[in-house]
Protein backbone atom coordinates (compact mmCIF):
# COMPACT_ATOMS: atom_id res chain seq x y z
CA UNK A 1 -135.63 -180.23 -56.90
CA UNK A 2 -136.72 -181.15 -60.44
CA UNK A 3 -140.40 -181.87 -60.77
CA UNK A 4 -140.23 -183.88 -63.96
CA UNK A 5 -139.37 -187.56 -63.91
CA UNK A 6 -138.72 -188.19 -67.60
CA UNK A 7 -137.09 -186.49 -70.57
CA UNK A 8 -136.94 -186.69 -74.35
CA UNK A 9 -133.87 -188.12 -76.07
CA UNK A 10 -132.85 -189.29 -79.51
CA UNK A 11 -131.66 -192.87 -79.08
CA UNK A 12 -129.58 -195.26 -81.15
CA UNK A 13 -131.18 -198.64 -81.78
CA UNK A 14 -128.84 -200.36 -84.23
CA UNK A 15 -127.04 -199.80 -87.51
CA UNK A 16 -125.17 -196.81 -88.81
CA UNK A 17 -127.85 -194.62 -90.37
CA UNK A 18 -128.91 -191.28 -88.91
CA UNK A 19 -132.49 -192.02 -89.91
CA UNK A 20 -132.55 -194.95 -87.47
CA UNK A 21 -132.36 -192.62 -84.45
CA UNK A 22 -135.59 -192.78 -82.43
CA UNK A 23 -137.14 -190.08 -80.25
CA UNK A 24 -138.04 -191.63 -76.89
CA UNK A 25 -139.26 -190.62 -73.44
CA UNK A 26 -136.77 -191.90 -70.86
CA UNK A 27 -136.57 -191.85 -67.05
CA UNK A 28 -134.74 -188.75 -65.85
CA UNK A 29 -131.09 -189.66 -65.11
CA UNK A 30 -129.68 -189.07 -61.66
CA UNK A 31 -126.08 -187.80 -61.41
CA UNK A 32 -123.70 -190.18 -59.69
CA UNK A 33 -120.73 -189.35 -57.49
CA UNK A 34 -118.64 -186.62 -59.11
CA UNK A 35 -121.32 -185.95 -61.75
CA UNK A 36 -123.83 -183.23 -62.56
CA UNK A 37 -127.09 -183.13 -64.49
CA UNK A 38 -127.23 -180.50 -67.25
CA UNK A 39 -130.46 -179.22 -68.76
CA UNK A 40 -129.40 -178.78 -72.39
CA UNK A 41 -130.35 -175.60 -74.21
CA UNK A 42 -128.32 -176.14 -77.40
CA UNK A 43 -126.65 -179.28 -78.78
CA UNK A 44 -123.57 -179.13 -81.00
CA UNK A 45 -123.34 -181.60 -83.89
CA UNK A 46 -119.94 -182.91 -85.03
CA UNK A 47 -118.77 -185.37 -87.73
CA UNK A 48 -117.92 -187.89 -84.99
CA UNK A 49 -121.64 -188.05 -84.14
CA UNK A 50 -122.52 -189.78 -87.40
CA UNK A 51 -119.21 -191.61 -87.82
CA UNK A 52 -119.64 -193.62 -84.61
CA UNK A 53 -123.18 -194.84 -85.36
CA UNK A 54 -122.91 -198.60 -85.55
CA UNK A 55 -119.18 -198.51 -84.78
CA UNK A 56 -119.10 -198.60 -80.98
CA UNK A 57 -119.50 -202.37 -80.55
CA UNK A 58 -120.40 -203.52 -77.06
CA UNK A 59 -119.95 -199.99 -75.68
CA UNK A 60 -123.43 -199.13 -76.98
CA UNK A 61 -126.66 -201.03 -76.47
CA UNK A 62 -129.99 -200.21 -78.16
CA UNK A 63 -131.40 -197.16 -76.41
CA UNK A 64 -128.04 -195.41 -76.09
CA UNK A 65 -128.18 -191.61 -76.38
CA UNK A 66 -125.45 -190.30 -78.76
CA UNK A 67 -123.89 -186.83 -78.85
CA UNK A 68 -120.75 -185.30 -77.33
CA UNK A 69 -121.26 -181.52 -77.27
CA UNK A 70 -123.82 -179.45 -75.42
CA UNK A 71 -124.45 -176.24 -73.50
CA UNK A 72 -127.00 -175.57 -70.80
CA UNK A 73 -127.56 -175.14 -67.07
CA UNK A 74 -126.51 -177.44 -64.21
CA UNK A 75 -129.73 -178.48 -62.43
CA UNK A 76 -128.58 -181.27 -60.10
CA UNK A 77 -125.37 -182.36 -58.38
CA UNK A 78 -124.02 -185.77 -57.49
CA UNK A 79 -122.12 -186.60 -54.34
CA UNK A 80 -118.86 -184.69 -53.93
CA UNK A 81 -119.57 -181.97 -56.50
CA UNK A 82 -119.05 -178.43 -55.11
CA UNK A 83 -122.32 -176.57 -54.54
CA UNK A 84 -121.21 -173.58 -56.64
CA UNK A 85 -121.90 -175.55 -59.84
CA UNK A 86 -125.65 -175.61 -59.25
CA UNK A 87 -127.35 -173.15 -61.60
CA UNK A 88 -124.18 -172.45 -63.58
CA UNK A 89 -124.30 -171.97 -67.35
CA UNK A 90 -121.86 -174.47 -68.86
CA UNK A 91 -120.57 -176.15 -71.98
CA UNK A 92 -119.19 -179.69 -72.07
CA UNK A 93 -117.72 -182.54 -74.09
CA UNK A 94 -119.20 -185.90 -73.12
CA UNK A 95 -117.68 -189.39 -73.08
CA UNK A 96 -118.86 -191.35 -76.15
CA UNK A 97 -119.41 -194.40 -73.95
CA UNK A 98 -122.04 -192.65 -71.83
CA UNK A 99 -125.46 -191.24 -72.65
CA UNK A 100 -124.76 -188.03 -74.50
CA UNK A 101 -126.12 -184.66 -75.52
CA UNK A 102 -128.87 -185.66 -77.99
CA UNK A 103 -131.38 -185.12 -75.20
CA UNK A 104 -133.08 -182.60 -72.96
CA UNK A 105 -130.80 -183.61 -70.06
CA UNK A 106 -127.30 -185.10 -69.84
CA UNK A 107 -125.53 -186.53 -66.79
CA UNK A 108 -121.74 -186.17 -66.99
CA UNK A 109 -118.58 -185.84 -64.93
CA UNK A 110 -118.23 -182.43 -63.31
CA UNK A 111 -114.57 -182.32 -64.32
CA UNK A 112 -115.63 -181.93 -67.97
CA UNK A 113 -117.61 -178.72 -67.35
CA UNK A 114 -116.60 -175.32 -68.65
CA UNK A 115 -118.30 -172.28 -67.13
CA UNK A 116 -119.64 -169.76 -69.65
CA UNK A 117 -119.03 -166.03 -69.57
CA UNK A 118 -122.23 -164.07 -68.94
CA UNK A 119 -121.99 -162.45 -72.38
CA UNK A 120 -121.78 -165.75 -74.29
CA UNK A 121 -124.93 -167.33 -75.72
CA UNK A 122 -125.69 -171.05 -75.53
CA UNK A 123 -125.49 -171.53 -79.30
CA UNK A 124 -121.92 -170.29 -79.58
CA UNK A 125 -121.00 -172.29 -76.46
CA UNK A 126 -122.45 -175.53 -77.88
CA UNK A 127 -120.51 -175.07 -81.12
CA UNK A 128 -117.26 -174.88 -79.18
CA UNK A 129 -116.13 -177.99 -77.23
CA UNK A 130 -115.18 -180.71 -79.72
CA UNK A 131 -113.50 -178.57 -82.41
CA UNK A 132 -111.91 -175.99 -80.13
CA UNK A 133 -110.60 -178.40 -77.50
CA UNK A 134 -109.25 -180.69 -80.24
CA UNK A 135 -107.45 -177.72 -81.79
CA UNK A 136 -106.02 -176.72 -78.41
CA UNK A 137 -104.72 -180.26 -77.83
CA UNK A 138 -103.09 -180.28 -81.27
CA UNK A 139 -101.29 -176.98 -80.75
CA UNK A 140 -100.28 -178.04 -77.22
CA UNK A 141 -98.38 -180.98 -78.76
CA UNK A 142 -96.04 -178.55 -80.52
CA UNK A 143 -92.96 -176.91 -79.01
CA UNK A 144 -92.81 -173.13 -78.91
CA UNK A 145 -90.94 -172.00 -82.02
CA UNK A 146 -91.27 -168.25 -82.40
CA UNK A 147 -91.74 -167.56 -86.09
CA UNK A 148 -91.83 -171.28 -86.89
CA UNK A 149 -93.69 -172.44 -89.99
CA UNK A 150 -96.84 -174.51 -89.52
CA UNK A 151 -98.98 -176.12 -92.23
CA UNK A 152 -102.63 -176.97 -91.45
CA UNK A 153 -104.28 -179.38 -93.86
CA UNK A 154 -108.09 -179.23 -93.94
CA UNK A 155 -108.10 -175.78 -92.35
CA UNK A 156 -111.55 -174.89 -93.68
CA UNK A 157 -113.42 -176.95 -91.08
CA UNK A 158 -114.44 -176.28 -87.49
CA UNK A 159 -111.17 -177.59 -86.00
CA UNK A 160 -109.14 -175.61 -88.52
CA UNK A 161 -111.00 -172.44 -87.56
CA UNK A 162 -109.54 -172.66 -84.04
CA UNK A 163 -106.20 -174.18 -85.07
CA UNK A 164 -105.32 -171.14 -87.16
CA UNK A 165 -106.19 -168.69 -84.39
CA UNK A 166 -104.40 -170.60 -81.64
CA UNK A 167 -101.28 -171.11 -83.75
CA UNK A 168 -101.12 -167.44 -84.77
CA UNK A 169 -101.55 -166.47 -81.12
CA UNK A 170 -98.56 -168.69 -80.26
CA UNK A 171 -96.35 -166.99 -82.84
CA UNK A 172 -96.48 -169.50 -85.73
CA UNK A 173 -96.43 -168.49 -89.38
CA UNK A 174 -99.48 -170.41 -90.57
CA UNK A 175 -100.01 -171.83 -94.05
CA UNK A 176 -103.23 -173.67 -94.86
CA UNK A 177 -104.66 -176.18 -97.31
CA UNK A 178 -108.41 -175.93 -97.92
CA UNK A 179 -111.02 -175.24 -100.55
CA UNK A 180 -110.61 -171.77 -102.01
CA UNK A 181 -113.96 -170.63 -100.60
CA UNK A 182 -112.39 -170.66 -97.11
CA UNK A 183 -109.42 -168.45 -97.98
CA UNK A 184 -110.92 -165.03 -97.11
CA UNK A 185 -111.91 -166.26 -93.66
CA UNK A 186 -108.53 -167.96 -93.06
CA UNK A 187 -106.65 -164.82 -94.08
CA UNK A 188 -108.83 -162.81 -91.69
CA UNK A 189 -107.95 -165.26 -88.91
CA UNK A 190 -104.22 -164.74 -89.52
CA UNK A 191 -103.09 -167.30 -92.09
CA UNK A 192 -100.23 -165.99 -94.21
CA UNK A 193 -100.58 -168.41 -97.12
CA UNK A 194 -103.53 -170.44 -98.43
CA UNK A 195 -103.36 -173.29 -100.94
CA UNK A 196 -106.06 -175.30 -102.67
CA UNK A 197 -106.65 -178.77 -101.36
CA UNK A 198 -108.74 -181.85 -102.04
CA UNK A 199 -111.97 -182.68 -100.31
CA UNK A 200 -111.21 -186.40 -100.20
CA UNK A 201 -108.45 -187.97 -98.15
CA UNK A 202 -107.35 -190.05 -101.15
CA UNK A 203 -106.57 -187.03 -103.33
CA UNK A 204 -103.14 -185.45 -103.64
CA UNK A 205 -102.56 -182.11 -101.87
CA UNK A 206 -101.74 -179.27 -104.26
CA UNK A 207 -98.60 -178.02 -102.48
CA UNK A 208 -94.93 -178.27 -103.52
CA UNK A 209 -93.37 -181.30 -101.82
CA UNK A 210 -90.31 -179.46 -100.52
CA UNK A 211 -89.28 -179.62 -96.88
CA UNK A 212 -90.02 -176.18 -95.44
CA UNK A 213 -92.23 -176.58 -92.34
CA UNK A 214 -91.45 -177.08 -88.67
CA UNK A 215 -94.84 -178.70 -88.08
CA UNK A 216 -97.82 -180.09 -89.97
CA UNK A 217 -101.29 -180.62 -88.50
CA UNK A 218 -103.53 -182.84 -90.62
CA UNK A 219 -107.33 -182.63 -90.19
CA UNK A 220 -108.25 -184.81 -93.19
CA UNK A 221 -106.94 -188.37 -92.96
CA UNK A 222 -104.00 -190.74 -92.59
CA UNK A 223 -103.23 -190.92 -96.33
CA UNK A 224 -102.75 -187.18 -96.61
CA UNK A 225 -100.85 -186.96 -93.34
CA UNK A 226 -98.37 -189.49 -94.70
CA UNK A 227 -97.97 -187.64 -98.00
CA UNK A 228 -97.44 -184.33 -96.21
CA UNK A 229 -94.65 -185.70 -93.98
CA UNK A 230 -91.92 -184.92 -96.57
CA UNK A 231 -92.73 -181.22 -96.11
CA UNK A 232 -91.24 -181.32 -92.62
CA UNK A 233 -87.75 -180.11 -91.77
CA UNK A 234 -85.43 -181.99 -89.43
CA UNK A 235 -86.92 -182.45 -85.96
CA UNK A 236 -90.32 -181.52 -87.34
CA UNK A 237 -93.69 -182.48 -85.85
CA UNK A 238 -96.59 -184.26 -87.57
CA UNK A 239 -99.94 -184.07 -85.72
CA UNK A 240 -102.74 -186.40 -86.87
CA UNK A 241 -106.34 -185.60 -85.96
CA UNK A 242 -108.48 -187.60 -88.39
CA UNK A 243 -106.37 -190.70 -88.85
CA UNK A 244 -103.16 -192.31 -87.67
CA UNK A 245 -100.51 -193.11 -90.29
CA UNK A 246 -99.61 -196.79 -90.45
CA UNK A 247 -95.82 -196.46 -90.63
CA UNK A 248 -93.22 -194.03 -89.35
CA UNK A 249 -92.90 -191.34 -92.05
CA UNK A 250 -89.09 -191.26 -92.30
CA UNK A 251 -86.06 -193.51 -92.07
CA UNK A 252 -84.50 -194.14 -88.63
CA UNK A 253 -82.32 -191.21 -87.50
CA UNK A 254 -82.94 -189.42 -90.79
CA UNK A 255 -85.02 -186.29 -90.26
CA UNK A 256 -85.92 -187.44 -86.71
CA UNK A 257 -89.56 -186.44 -86.91
CA UNK A 258 -91.97 -186.56 -83.97
CA UNK A 259 -95.41 -188.08 -84.58
CA UNK A 260 -98.47 -187.07 -82.54
CA UNK A 261 -102.15 -188.03 -82.47
CA UNK A 262 -105.05 -186.11 -80.96
CA UNK A 263 -108.38 -187.44 -79.66
CA UNK A 264 -110.52 -186.01 -76.88
CA UNK A 265 -111.86 -189.48 -76.17
CA UNK A 266 -108.50 -190.52 -74.73
CA UNK A 267 -108.99 -188.14 -71.79
CA UNK A 268 -112.39 -189.62 -70.97
CA UNK A 269 -110.87 -193.09 -70.71
CA UNK A 270 -107.30 -192.48 -69.54
CA UNK A 271 -107.15 -188.83 -68.44
CA UNK A 272 -106.14 -187.73 -64.95
CA UNK A 273 -108.00 -184.97 -63.11
CA UNK A 274 -105.05 -182.61 -63.61
CA UNK A 275 -105.29 -183.08 -67.39
CA UNK A 276 -108.98 -182.20 -67.28
CA UNK A 277 -108.24 -179.15 -65.14
CA UNK A 278 -105.72 -177.98 -67.72
CA UNK A 279 -108.06 -178.65 -70.65
CA UNK A 280 -111.16 -177.01 -69.16
CA UNK A 281 -109.13 -174.02 -67.93
CA UNK A 282 -107.85 -173.53 -71.48
CA UNK A 283 -111.40 -173.93 -72.77
CA UNK A 284 -112.76 -171.31 -70.40
CA UNK A 285 -110.02 -168.89 -71.44
CA UNK A 286 -110.94 -169.42 -75.09
CA UNK A 287 -114.63 -168.91 -74.31
CA UNK A 288 -113.71 -165.63 -72.60
CA UNK A 289 -111.79 -164.63 -75.72
CA UNK A 290 -114.80 -165.41 -77.90
CA UNK A 291 -117.10 -163.39 -75.63
CA UNK A 292 -114.66 -160.47 -75.82
CA UNK A 293 -114.44 -160.66 -79.61
CA UNK A 294 -110.77 -161.66 -79.50
CA UNK A 295 -111.40 -165.11 -81.04
CA UNK A 296 -113.88 -165.95 -83.78
CA UNK A 297 -116.22 -168.96 -83.51
CA UNK A 298 -117.38 -170.81 -86.59
CA UNK A 299 -120.60 -169.41 -88.14
CA UNK A 300 -123.49 -171.62 -87.11
CA UNK A 301 -127.01 -172.66 -88.06
CA UNK A 302 -129.74 -173.41 -85.53
CA UNK A 303 -132.26 -176.21 -86.06
CA UNK A 304 -135.13 -177.55 -83.95
CA UNK A 305 -134.73 -180.61 -81.72
CA UNK A 306 -137.40 -182.39 -83.80
CA UNK A 307 -135.16 -182.48 -86.89
CA UNK A 308 -131.92 -183.62 -85.24
CA UNK A 309 -131.53 -186.80 -87.38
CA UNK A 310 -132.13 -184.89 -90.61
CA UNK A 311 -129.62 -182.21 -89.61
CA UNK A 312 -127.04 -184.87 -88.73
CA UNK A 313 -127.61 -186.48 -92.14
CA UNK A 314 -127.08 -183.11 -93.84
CA UNK A 315 -123.81 -182.73 -91.91
CA UNK A 316 -122.76 -186.18 -93.11
CA UNK A 317 -123.15 -185.04 -96.72
CA UNK A 318 -121.89 -181.48 -96.06
CA UNK A 319 -124.98 -180.06 -97.74
CA UNK A 320 -124.68 -176.70 -95.96
CA UNK A 321 -121.94 -174.45 -94.60
CA UNK A 322 -121.41 -173.48 -90.98
CA UNK A 323 -121.74 -175.32 -87.70
CA UNK A 324 -125.04 -177.23 -87.23
CA UNK A 325 -126.69 -176.76 -83.83
CA UNK A 326 -129.87 -178.13 -82.29
CA UNK A 327 -131.95 -175.86 -80.08
CA UNK A 328 -134.31 -177.01 -77.35
CA UNK A 329 -137.21 -174.87 -76.17
CA UNK A 330 -137.85 -174.54 -72.43
């Protein structure tokens, strides 16, 4: 039984600026049916956390707690949740429409939990859910083509870090587009070819526009995804993570491409329990691989809970390298 009745949380009031977040003392949430209460130890920051500020419409009211990624300990159970979850060390990805991880405690659906290996620290776990599960969903969209050629655009980021490793594990020959500073790490992760690429979605990728890939995964934006489509061979696959292209990228019955989009938020709104079981099982397997040294997480930086808005603003402007994390002291 928790003794405290309130908790600290960074709350959204209005507008789209990270500096508008306010630290408040709120009544301790109680988990509903099928939910758990997690005492957060580390919070993972992602680009979506600043992009959605002021963009959620009626889904957010002043006082909403943002944040999607966190890692901590389950301290309370709602009705219908198996007792074995109590006291478990977990990581999670939260629904954007509910109070999130920018807080000491988060109430969320038990189906979104991933149990942590004993050897895995909370910081690495909190850096994992959004980028790694997004990467897994993207690779899961692709058919198994042993030795097939895959191009990943924007491979230098957190999602790209896991995309490369998952694709290599599945037998793809992986080429990447990223800033040159990422090349040594991408080669170490298994990429066979690295090309320079633009930082802005409006710039032109520096790759020959000749059809030679079975699949392209774009992590930058709709404009680049559309321009990369001509690189695909017949029956190729284009996977969009950061933006959906407005028009089909080829003529009818020409190269017969397949177009895919990836967003974890879709599962929170439309996902069945079986889909969550599949996703969290894959996540737990990846966490086991990280704990065993068989998969590499993104390098991270830890910051105090008191400077969460400033750290989120730094992420917005990409003023540092590595994954930003927020640590709470208990």
